[in-house]
Amino acid sequence: MNDEDFFNPATKPETVSIGGVLLRLGDLVRVRPKNRADAMDMALAGRIAMIESIELDAEDKTHLALVIEDDPGKDLGVARMPGHRFFYGTDEVEPLEGE
């Protein structure tokens, strides 16, 4: 990906495959933190979240912006307000099929 594409919101991925399951914006996943060990990750472990955005970093690694389903302020996460969106790698979520 070149610099022009990286900063163009129209080039953001709309789907991601995790464990053979194709996920889109709005799909539900279970949070399974691996790469960090802070208190927030421990509090969110096992929670169900909605994929709000699929992002690529400068090294082409995929990250998911998640909004926790039972967050009373979850509409703030969809509005991209800090504190209500949580970023996890594709290896830190479990697809929820049929839920």
PDB file of N, CA and C in Angstrom:
ATOM      1  N   MET A   1       0.852  -1.168   0.000  1.00  0.00           N
ATOM      2  CA  MET A   1       0.000   0.000   0.000  1.00  0.00           C
ATOM      3  C   MET A   1       0.900   1.234   0.000  1.00  0.00           C
ATOM      4  N   ASN A   2       0.603   2.176  -0.877  1.00  0.00           N
ATOM      5  CA  ASN A   2       1.412   3.395  -0.906  1.00  0.00           C
ATOM      6  C   ASN A   2       0.841   4.432   0.061  1.00  0.00           C
ATOM      7  N   ASP A   3       1.593   5.516   0.272  1.00  0.00           N
ATOM      8  CA  ASP A   3       1.183   6.536   1.247  1.00  0.00           C
ATOM      9  C   ASP A   3      -0.175   7.137   0.912  1.00  0.00           C
ATOM     10  N   GLU A   4      -0.426   7.356  -0.377  1.00  0.00           N
ATOM     11  CA  GLU A   4      -1.699   7.949  -0.779  1.00  0.00           C
ATOM     12  C   GLU A   4      -2.868   7.038  -0.394  1.00  0.00           C
ATOM     13  N   ASP A   5      -2.727   5.737  -0.614  1.00  0.00           N
ATOM     14  CA  ASP A   5      -3.778   4.791  -0.243  1.00  0.00           C
ATOM     15  C   ASP A   5      -3.927   4.694   1.273  1.00  0.00           C
ATOM     16  N   PHE A   6      -2.809   4.713   1.991  1.00  0.00           N
ATOM     17  CA  PHE A   6      -2.839   4.564   3.444  1.00  0.00           C
ATOM     18  C   PHE A   6      -3.691   5.646   4.103  1.00  0.00           C
ATOM     19  N   PHE A   7      -3.613   6.866   3.605  1.00  0.00           N
ATOM     20  CA  PHE A   7      -4.344   7.978   4.208  1.00  0.00           C
ATOM     21  C   PHE A   7      -5.707   8.219   3.557  1.00  0.00           C
ATOM     22  N   ASN A   8      -6.121   7.363   2.631  1.00  0.00           N
ATOM     23  CA  ASN A   8      -7.405   7.506   1.954  1.00  0.00           C
ATOM     24  C   ASN A   8      -8.431   6.601   2.639  1.00  0.00           C
ATOM     25  N   PRO A   9      -9.445   7.177   3.297  1.00  0.00           N
ATOM     26  CA  PRO A   9     -10.423   6.344   4.005  1.00  0.00           C
ATOM     27  C   PRO A   9     -11.206   5.419   3.073  1.00  0.00           C
ATOM     28  N   ALA A  10     -11.247   5.711   1.781  1.00  0.00           N
ATOM     29  CA  ALA A  10     -11.973   4.869   0.832  1.00  0.00           C
ATOM     30  C   ALA A  10     -11.265   3.535   0.595  1.00  0.00           C
ATOM     31  N   THR A  11     -10.008   3.419   1.014  1.00  0.00           N
ATOM     32  CA  THR A  11      -9.267   2.176   0.793  1.00  0.00           C
ATOM     33  C   THR A  11      -9.273   1.262   2.010  1.00  0.00           C
ATOM     34  N   LYS A  12     -10.052   1.602   3.036  1.00  0.00           N
ATOM     35  CA  LYS A  12     -10.130   0.763   4.233  1.00  0.00           C
ATOM     36  C   LYS A  12     -10.819  -0.550   3.881  1.00  0.00           C
ATOM     37  N   PRO A  13     -10.324  -1.660   4.435  1.00  0.00           N
ATOM     38  CA  PRO A  13     -10.976  -2.942   4.158  1.00  0.00           C
ATOM     39  C   PRO A  13     -12.393  -2.984   4.732  1.00  0.00           C
ATOM     40  N   GLU A  14     -13.276  -3.680   4.030  1.00  0.00           N
ATOM     41  CA  GLU A  14     -14.657  -3.816   4.486  1.00  0.00           C
ATOM     42  C   GLU A  14     -14.918  -5.183   5.103  1.00  0.00           C
ATOM     43  N   THR A  15     -13.988  -6.129   4.886  1.00  0.00           N
ATOM     44  CA  THR A  15     -14.129  -7.468   5.450  1.00  0.00           C
ATOM     45  C   THR A  15     -12.774  -7.944   5.948  1.00  0.00           C
ATOM     46  N   VAL A  16     -12.821  -8.966   6.813  1.00  0.00           N
ATOM     47  CA  VAL A  16     -11.611  -9.617   7.305  1.00  0.00           C
ATOM     48  C   VAL A  16     -11.980 -11.068   7.584  1.00  0.00           C
ATOM     49  N   SER A  17     -11.064 -11.977   7.291  1.00  0.00           N
ATOM     50  CA  SER A  17     -11.301 -13.391   7.560  1.00  0.00           C
ATOM     51  C   SER A  17     -10.561 -13.784   8.831  1.00  0.00           C
ATOM     52  N   ILE A  18     -11.312 -14.360   9.776  1.00  0.00           N
ATOM     53  CA  ILE A  18     -10.738 -14.813  11.040  1.00  0.00           C
ATOM     54  C   ILE A  18     -11.193 -16.246  11.266  1.00  0.00           C
ATOM     55  N   GLY A  19     -10.246 -17.153  11.330  1.00  0.00           N
ATOM     56  CA  GLY A  19     -10.577 -18.563  11.538  1.00  0.00           C
ATOM     57  C   GLY A  19     -11.471 -19.120  10.452  1.00  0.00           C
ATOM     58  N   GLY A  20     -11.297 -18.626   9.226  1.00  0.00           N
ATOM     59  CA  GLY A  20     -12.111 -19.089   8.111  1.00  0.00           C
ATOM     60  C   GLY A  20     -13.492 -18.456   8.035  1.00  0.00           C
ATOM     61  N   VAL A  21     -13.783 -17.513   8.935  1.00  0.00           N
ATOM     62  CA  VAL A  21     -15.080 -16.828   8.946  1.00  0.00           C
ATOM     63  C   VAL A  21     -14.881 -15.415   8.406  1.00  0.00           C
ATOM     64  N   LEU A  22     -15.638 -15.057   7.373  1.00  0.00           N
ATOM     65  CA  LEU A  22     -15.559 -13.718   6.806  1.00  0.00           C
ATOM     66  C   LEU A  22     -16.416 -12.773   7.636  1.00  0.00           C
ATOM     67  N   LEU A  23     -15.785 -11.752   8.202  1.00  0.00           N
ATOM     68  CA  LEU A  23     -16.479 -10.790   9.059  1.00  0.00           C
ATOM     69  C   LEU A  23     -16.547  -9.428   8.389  1.00  0.00           C
ATOM     70  N   ARG A  24     -17.641  -8.725   8.673  1.00  0.00           N
ATOM     71  CA  ARG A  24     -17.874  -7.386   8.128  1.00  0.00           C
ATOM     72  C   ARG A  24     -18.156  -6.419   9.274  1.00  0.00           C
ATOM     73  N   LEU A  25     -18.217  -5.146   8.931  1.00  0.00           N
ATOM     74  CA  LEU A  25     -18.618  -4.139   9.911  1.00  0.00           C
ATOM     75  C   LEU A  25     -19.988  -4.521  10.462  1.00  0.00           C
ATOM     76  N   GLY A  26     -20.156  -4.402  11.766  1.00  0.00           N
ATOM     77  CA  GLY A  26     -21.416  -4.732  12.407  1.00  0.00           C
ATOM     78  C   GLY A  26     -21.498  -6.156  12.919  1.00  0.00           C
ATOM     79  N   ASP A  27     -20.577  -7.035  12.485  1.00  0.00           N
ATOM     80  CA  ASP A  27     -20.572  -8.412  12.986  1.00  0.00           C
ATOM     81  C   ASP A  27     -20.093  -8.447  14.430  1.00  0.00           C
ATOM     82  N   LEU A  28     -20.503  -9.505  15.132  1.00  0.00           N
ATOM     83  CA  LEU A  28     -20.142  -9.656  16.538  1.00  0.00           C
ATOM     84  C   LEU A  28     -18.974 -10.614  16.718  1.00  0.00           C
ATOM     85  N   VAL A  29     -18.124 -10.286  17.684  1.00  0.00           N
ATOM     86  CA  VAL A  29     -16.974 -11.116  18.046  1.00  0.00           C
ATOM     87  C   VAL A  29     -16.879 -11.172  19.567  1.00  0.00           C
ATOM     88  N   ARG A  30     -16.150 -12.167  20.056  1.00  0.00           N
ATOM     89  CA  ARG A  30     -15.844 -12.233  21.487  1.00  0.00           C
ATOM     90  C   ARG A  30     -14.402 -11.773  21.664  1.00  0.00           C
ATOM     91  N   VAL A  31     -14.159 -10.882  22.615  1.00  0.00           N
ATOM     92  CA  VAL A  31     -12.827 -10.325  22.862  1.00  0.00           C
ATOM     93  C   VAL A  31     -11.989 -11.358  23.617  1.00  0.00           C
ATOM     94  N   ARG A  32     -10.804 -11.667  23.068  1.00  0.00           N
ATOM     95  CA  ARG A  32      -9.860 -12.607  23.674  1.00  0.00           C
ATOM     96  C   ARG A  32      -8.462 -11.980  23.662  1.00  0.00           C
ATOM     97  N   PRO A  33      -8.202 -10.979  24.527  1.00  0.00           N
ATOM     98  CA  PRO A  33      -6.909 -10.281  24.525  1.00  0.00           C
ATOM     99  C   PRO A  33      -5.736 -11.235  24.704  1.00  0.00           C
ATOM    100  N   LYS A  34      -4.659 -10.974  23.962  1.00  0.00           N
ATOM    101  CA  LYS A  34      -3.439 -11.775  24.053  1.00  0.00           C
ATOM    102  C   LYS A  34      -2.199 -10.918  24.258  1.00  0.00           C
ATOM    103  N   ASN A  35      -2.101  -9.865  23.487  1.00  0.00           N
ATOM    104  CA  ASN A  35      -0.843  -9.130  23.371  1.00  0.00           C
ATOM    105  C   ASN A  35      -0.597  -8.114  24.476  1.00  0.00           C
ATOM    106  N   ARG A  36      -1.578  -7.907  25.329  1.00  0.00           N
ATOM    107  CA  ARG A  36      -1.417  -6.927  26.406  1.00  0.00           C
ATOM    108  C   ARG A  36      -1.930  -7.549  27.694  1.00  0.00           C
ATOM    109  N   ALA A  37      -1.584  -6.966  28.787  1.00  0.00           N
ATOM    110  CA  ALA A  37      -2.044  -7.517  30.070  1.00  0.00           C
ATOM    111  C   ALA A  37      -2.436  -6.391  31.017  1.00  0.00           C
ATOM    112  N   ASP A  38      -3.120  -5.383  30.497  1.00  0.00           N
ATOM    113  CA  ASP A  38      -3.516  -4.306  31.397  1.00  0.00           C
ATOM    114  C   ASP A  38      -4.914  -4.574  31.965  1.00  0.00           C
ATOM    115  N   ALA A  39      -5.324  -3.768  32.895  1.00  0.00           N
ATOM    116  CA  ALA A  39      -6.600  -3.969  33.589  1.00  0.00           C
ATOM    117  C   ALA A  39      -7.788  -3.882  32.636  1.00  0.00           C
ATOM    118  N   MET A  40      -7.722  -3.005  31.656  1.00  0.00           N
ATOM    119  CA  MET A  40      -8.837  -2.865  30.715  1.00  0.00           C
ATOM    120  C   MET A  40      -9.007  -4.138  29.890  1.00  0.00           C
ATOM    121  N   ASP A  41      -7.901  -4.721  29.435  1.00  0.00           N
ATOM    122  CA  ASP A  41      -7.989  -5.971  28.677  1.00  0.00           C
ATOM    123  C   ASP A  41      -8.599  -7.082  29.517  1.00  0.00           C
ATOM    124  N   MET A  42      -8.203  -7.143  30.779  1.00  0.00           N
ATOM    125  CA  MET A  42      -8.768  -8.169  31.663  1.00  0.00           C
ATOM    126  C   MET A  42     -10.266  -7.941  31.861  1.00  0.00           C
ATOM    127  N   ALA A  43     -10.690  -6.688  31.953  1.00  0.00           N
ATOM    128  CA  ALA A  43     -12.107  -6.380  32.136  1.00  0.00           C
ATOM    129  C   ALA A  43     -12.923  -6.701  30.890  1.00  0.00           C
ATOM    130  N   LEU A  44     -12.316  -6.584  29.708  1.00  0.00           N
ATOM    131  CA  LEU A  44     -13.035  -6.818  28.458  1.00  0.00           C
ATOM    132  C   LEU A  44     -12.944  -8.259  27.967  1.00  0.00           C
ATOM    133  N   ALA A  45     -12.058  -9.056  28.545  1.00  0.00           N
ATOM    134  CA  ALA A  45     -11.885 -10.448  28.108  1.00  0.00           C
ATOM    135  C   ALA A  45     -13.208 -11.203  28.209  1.00  0.00           C
ATOM    136  N   GLY A  46     -13.563 -11.865  27.120  1.00  0.00           N
ATOM    137  CA  GLY A  46     -14.784 -12.657  27.073  1.00  0.00           C
ATOM    138  C   GLY A  46     -16.034 -11.880  26.707  1.00  0.00           C
ATOM    139  N   ARG A  47     -15.939 -10.555  26.629  1.00  0.00           N
ATOM    140  CA  ARG A  47     -17.109  -9.726  26.306  1.00  0.00           C
ATOM    141  C   ARG A  47     -17.414  -9.800  24.818  1.00  0.00           C
ATOM    142  N   ILE A  48     -18.658  -9.582  24.472  1.00  0.00           N
ATOM    143  CA  ILE A  48     -19.089  -9.555  23.075  1.00  0.00           C
ATOM    144  C   ILE A  48     -19.012  -8.121  22.584  1.00  0.00           C
ATOM    145  N   ALA A  49     -18.486  -7.958  21.368  1.00  0.00           N
ATOM    146  CA  ALA A  49     -18.316  -6.629  20.796  1.00  0.00           C
ATOM    147  C   ALA A  49     -18.708  -6.635  19.323  1.00  0.00           C
ATOM    148  N   MET A  50     -19.080  -5.464  18.837  1.00  0.00           N
ATOM    149  CA  MET A  50     -19.414  -5.274  17.435  1.00  0.00           C
ATOM    150  C   MET A  50     -18.219  -4.656  16.711  1.00  0.00           C
ATOM    151  N   ILE A  51     -17.938  -5.132  15.507  1.00  0.00           N
ATOM    152  CA  ILE A  51     -16.868  -4.539  14.698  1.00  0.00           C
ATOM    153  C   ILE A  51     -17.365  -3.207  14.155  1.00  0.00           C
ATOM    154  N   GLU A  52     -16.740  -2.134  14.591  1.00  0.00           N
ATOM    155  CA  GLU A  52     -17.113  -0.786  14.166  1.00  0.00           C
ATOM    156  C   GLU A  52     -16.279  -0.352  12.968  1.00  0.00           C
ATOM    157  N   SER A  53     -15.045  -0.844  12.898  1.00  0.00           N
ATOM    158  CA  SER A  53     -14.147  -0.449  11.818  1.00  0.00           C
ATOM    159  C   SER A  53     -13.045  -1.486  11.668  1.00  0.00           C
ATOM    160  N   ILE A  54     -12.587  -1.674  10.442  1.00  0.00           N
ATOM    161  CA  ILE A  54     -11.438  -2.538  10.155  1.00  0.00           C
ATOM    162  C   ILE A  54     -10.333  -1.624   9.660  1.00  0.00           C
ATOM    163  N   GLU A  55      -9.206  -1.646  10.345  1.00  0.00           N
ATOM    164  CA  GLU A  55      -8.111  -0.712  10.058  1.00  0.00           C
ATOM    165  C   GLU A  55      -6.835  -1.466   9.694  1.00  0.00           C
ATOM    166  N   LEU A  56      -6.036  -0.871   8.825  1.00  0.00           N
ATOM    167  CA  LEU A  56      -4.703  -1.385   8.507  1.00  0.00           C
ATOM    168  C   LEU A  56      -3.681  -0.389   9.007  1.00  0.00           C
ATOM    169  N   ASP A  57      -2.609  -0.879   9.652  1.00  0.00           N
ATOM    170  CA  ASP A  57      -1.555   0.032  10.075  1.00  0.00           C
ATOM    171  C   ASP A  57      -0.518   0.163   8.961  1.00  0.00           C
ATOM    172  N   ALA A  58       0.524   0.909   9.209  1.00  0.00           N
ATOM    173  CA  ALA A  58       1.551   1.179   8.195  1.00  0.00           C
ATOM    174  C   ALA A  58       2.300  -0.077   7.764  1.00  0.00           C
ATOM    175  N   GLU A  59       2.210  -1.147   8.561  1.00  0.00           N
ATOM    176  CA  GLU A  59       2.883  -2.404   8.226  1.00  0.00           C
ATOM    177  C   GLU A  59       1.898  -3.442   7.692  1.00  0.00           C
ATOM    178  N   ASP A  60       0.715  -2.992   7.273  1.00  0.00           N
ATOM    179  CA  ASP A  60      -0.346  -3.844   6.731  1.00  0.00           C
ATOM    180  C   ASP A  60      -0.911  -4.846   7.728  1.00  0.00           C
ATOM    181  N   LYS A  61      -0.775  -4.589   9.015  1.00  0.00           N
ATOM    182  CA  LYS A  61      -1.378  -5.441  10.027  1.00  0.00           C
ATOM    183  C   LYS A  61      -2.804  -4.957  10.265  1.00  0.00           C
ATOM    184  N   THR A  62      -3.731  -5.899  10.353  1.00  0.00           N
ATOM    185  CA  THR A  62      -5.137  -5.560  10.526  1.00  0.00           C
ATOM    186  C   THR A  62      -5.489  -5.421  12.004  1.00  0.00           C
ATOM    187  N   HIS A  63      -6.244  -4.381  12.298  1.00  0.00           N
ATOM    188  CA  HIS A  63      -6.749  -4.117  13.644  1.00  0.00           C
ATOM    189  C   HIS A  63      -8.249  -3.886  13.540  1.00  0.00           C
ATOM    190  N   LEU A  64      -8.966  -4.295  14.564  1.00  0.00           N
ATOM    191  CA  LEU A  64     -10.405  -4.095  14.592  1.00  0.00           C
ATOM    192  C   LEU A  64     -10.756  -3.077  15.672  1.00  0.00           C
ATOM    193  N   ALA A  65     -11.550  -2.076  15.308  1.00  0.00           N
ATOM    194  CA  ALA A  65     -12.106  -1.147  16.286  1.00  0.00           C
ATOM    195  C   ALA A  65     -13.421  -1.761  16.735  1.00  0.00           C
ATOM    196  N   LEU A  66     -13.516  -2.042  18.025  1.00  0.00           N
ATOM    197  CA  LEU A  66     -14.673  -2.727  18.576  1.00  0.00           C
ATOM    198  C   LEU A  66     -15.462  -1.834  19.519  1.00  0.00           C
ATOM    199  N   VAL A  67     -16.765  -2.041  19.527  1.00  0.00           N
ATOM    200  CA  VAL A  67     -17.658  -1.382  20.472  1.00  0.00           C
ATOM    201  C   VAL A  67     -18.284  -2.503  21.294  1.00  0.00           C
ATOM    202  N   ILE A  68     -18.130  -2.454  22.604  1.00  0.00           N
ATOM    203  CA  ILE A  68     -18.638  -3.497  23.490  1.00  0.00           C
ATOM    204  C   ILE A  68     -20.167  -3.444  23.520  1.00  0.00           C
ATOM    205  N   GLU A  69     -20.787  -4.589  23.287  1.00  0.00           N
ATOM    206  CA  GLU A  69     -22.243  -4.680  23.160  1.00  0.00           C
ATOM    207  C   GLU A  69     -22.996  -4.166  24.378  1.00  0.00           C
ATOM    208  N   ASP A  70     -22.541  -4.463  25.597  1.00  0.00           N
ATOM    209  CA  ASP A  70     -23.301  -4.039  26.772  1.00  0.00           C
ATOM    210  C   ASP A  70     -22.786  -2.739  27.392  1.00  0.00           C
ATOM    211  N   ASP A  71     -21.989  -1.989  26.640  1.00  0.00           N
ATOM    212  CA  ASP A  71     -21.529  -0.674  27.094  1.00  0.00           C
ATOM    213  C   ASP A  71     -22.718   0.291  27.023  1.00  0.00           C
ATOM    214  N   PRO A  72     -23.126   0.894  28.148  1.00  0.00           N
ATOM    215  CA  PRO A  72     -24.261   1.822  28.099  1.00  0.00           C
ATOM    216  C   PRO A  72     -23.993   3.027  27.196  1.00  0.00           C
ATOM    217  N   GLY A  73     -22.737   3.297  26.911  1.00  0.00           N
ATOM    218  CA  GLY A  73     -22.388   4.398  26.011  1.00  0.00           C
ATOM    219  C   GLY A  73     -21.933   3.909  24.652  1.00  0.00           C
ATOM    220  N   LYS A  74     -22.391   2.721  24.227  1.00  0.00           N
ATOM    221  CA  LYS A  74     -21.875   2.138  22.986  1.00  0.00           C
ATOM    222  C   LYS A  74     -22.146   3.024  21.774  1.00  0.00           C
ATOM    223  N   ASP A  75     -23.201   3.831  21.802  1.00  0.00           N
ATOM    224  CA  ASP A  75     -23.442   4.737  20.679  1.00  0.00           C
ATOM    225  C   ASP A  75     -22.310   5.753  20.543  1.00  0.00           C
ATOM    226  N   LEU A  76     -21.622   6.054  21.631  1.00  0.00           N
ATOM    227  CA  LEU A  76     -20.477   6.965  21.571  1.00  0.00           C
ATOM    228  C   LEU A  76     -19.301   6.312  20.848  1.00  0.00           C
ATOM    229  N   GLY A  77     -19.167   4.996  20.967  1.00  0.00           N
ATOM    230  CA  GLY A  77     -18.107   4.284  20.259  1.00  0.00           C
ATOM    231  C   GLY A  77     -18.323   4.305  18.763  1.00  0.00           C
ATOM    232  N   VAL A  78     -19.562   4.083  18.349  1.00  0.00           N
ATOM    233  CA  VAL A  78     -19.883   4.135  16.926  1.00  0.00           C
ATOM    234  C   VAL A  78     -19.679   5.552  16.404  1.00  0.00           C
ATOM    235  N   ALA A  79     -19.850   6.551  17.256  1.00  0.00           N
ATOM    236  CA  ALA A  79     -19.624   7.947  16.877  1.00  0.00           C
ATOM    237  C   ALA A  79     -18.136   8.301  16.927  1.00  0.00           C
ATOM    238  N   ARG A  80     -17.284   7.283  17.199  1.00  0.00           N
ATOM    239  CA  ARG A  80     -15.828   7.433  17.237  1.00  0.00           C
ATOM    240  C   ARG A  80     -15.345   8.293  18.405  1.00  0.00           C
ATOM    241  N   MET A  81     -16.066   8.226  19.502  1.00  0.00           N
ATOM    242  CA  MET A  81     -15.656   8.948  20.702  1.00  0.00           C
ATOM    243  C   MET A  81     -14.646   8.105  21.472  1.00  0.00           C
ATOM    244  N   PRO A  82     -13.542   8.702  21.898  1.00  0.00           N
ATOM    245  CA  PRO A  82     -12.542   7.960  22.665  1.00  0.00           C
ATOM    246  C   PRO A  82     -13.146   7.362  23.931  1.00  0.00           C
ATOM    247  N   GLY A  83     -12.605   6.239  24.338  1.00  0.00           N
ATOM    248  CA  GLY A  83     -13.056   5.594  25.550  1.00  0.00           C
ATOM    249  C   GLY A  83     -14.176   4.602  25.346  1.00  0.00           C
ATOM    250  N   HIS A  84     -14.744   4.541  24.148  1.00  0.00           N
ATOM    251  CA  HIS A  84     -15.822   3.607  23.865  1.00  0.00           C
ATOM    252  C   HIS A  84     -15.517   2.747  22.645  1.00  0.00           C
ATOM    253  N   ARG A  85     -14.331   2.903  22.077  1.00  0.00           N
ATOM    254  CA  ARG A  85     -13.853   2.053  20.988  1.00  0.00           C
ATOM    255  C   ARG A  85     -12.562   1.418  21.466  1.00  0.00           C
ATOM    256  N   PHE A  86     -12.434   0.124  21.217  1.00  0.00           N
ATOM    257  CA  PHE A  86     -11.254  -0.606  21.673  1.00  0.00           C
ATOM    258  C   PHE A  86     -10.652  -1.326  20.482  1.00  0.00           C
ATOM    259  N   PHE A  87      -9.335  -1.255  20.356  1.00  0.00           N
ATOM    260  CA  PHE A  87      -8.647  -1.840  19.211  1.00  0.00           C
ATOM    261  C   PHE A  87      -7.991  -3.162  19.591  1.00  0.00           C
ATOM    262  N   TYR A  88      -8.262  -4.180  18.778  1.00  0.00           N
ATOM    263  CA  TYR A  88      -7.673  -5.497  18.968  1.00  0.00           C
ATOM    264  C   TYR A  88      -7.231  -6.059  17.627  1.00  0.00           C
ATOM    265  N   GLY A  89      -6.204  -6.908  17.675  1.00  0.00           N
ATOM    266  CA  GLY A  89      -5.741  -7.598  16.483  1.00  0.00           C
ATOM    267  C   GLY A  89      -6.694  -8.730  16.137  1.00  0.00           C
ATOM    268  N   THR A  90      -6.569  -9.236  14.922  1.00  0.00           N
ATOM    269  CA  THR A  90      -7.454 -10.314  14.477  1.00  0.00           C
ATOM    270  C   THR A  90      -7.220 -11.602  15.258  1.00  0.00           C
ATOM    271  N   ASP A  91      -6.061 -11.739  15.888  1.00  0.00           N
ATOM    272  CA  ASP A  91      -5.789 -12.923  16.707  1.00  0.00           C
ATOM    273  C   ASP A  91      -6.312 -12.767  18.139  1.00  0.00           C
ATOM    274  N   GLU A  92      -6.977 -11.643  18.415  1.00  0.00           N
ATOM    275  CA  GLU A  92      -7.478 -11.376  19.760  1.00  0.00           C
ATOM    276  C   GLU A  92      -9.003 -11.365  19.832  1.00  0.00           C
ATOM    277  N   VAL A  93      -9.639 -11.852  18.772  1.00  0.00           N
ATOM    278  CA  VAL A  93     -11.097 -11.945  18.757  1.00  0.00           C
ATOM    279  C   VAL A  93     -11.513 -13.309  18.234  1.00  0.00           C
ATOM    280  N   GLU A  94     -12.704 -13.697  18.626  1.00  0.00           N
ATOM    281  CA  GLU A  94     -13.281 -14.974  18.206  1.00  0.00           C
ATOM    282  C   GLU A  94     -14.616 -14.657  17.516  1.00  0.00           C
ATOM    283  N   PRO A  95     -14.765 -15.057  16.250  1.00  0.00           N
ATOM    284  CA  PRO A  95     -16.035 -14.797  15.553  1.00  0.00           C
ATOM    285  C   PRO A  95     -17.205 -15.467  16.270  1.00  0.00           C
ATOM    286  N   LEU A  96     -18.330 -14.790  16.285  1.00  0.00           N
ATOM    287  CA  LEU A  96     -19.556 -15.353  16.861  1.00  0.00           C
ATOM    288  C   LEU A  96     -20.531 -15.581  15.717  1.00  0.00           C
ATOM    289  N   GLU A  97     -20.636 -16.796  15.294  1.00  0.00           N
ATOM    290  CA  GLU A  97     -21.540 -17.124  14.207  1.00  0.00           C
ATOM    291  C   GLU A  97     -22.927 -17.396  14.767  1.00  0.00           C
ATOM    292  N   GLY A  98     -23.928 -16.782  14.160  1.00  0.00           N
ATOM    293  CA  GLY A  98     -25.297 -17.037  14.538  1.00  0.00           C
ATOM    294  C   GLY A  98     -25.747 -16.420  15.838  1.00  0.00           C
ATOM    295  N   GLU A  99     -24.985 -15.496  16.406  1.00  0.00           N
ATOM    296  CA  GLU A  99     -25.419 -14.847  17.665  1.00  0.00           C
ATOM    297  C   GLU A  99     -25.877 -13.443  17.388  1.00  0.00           C
TER     298      GLU A  99
END
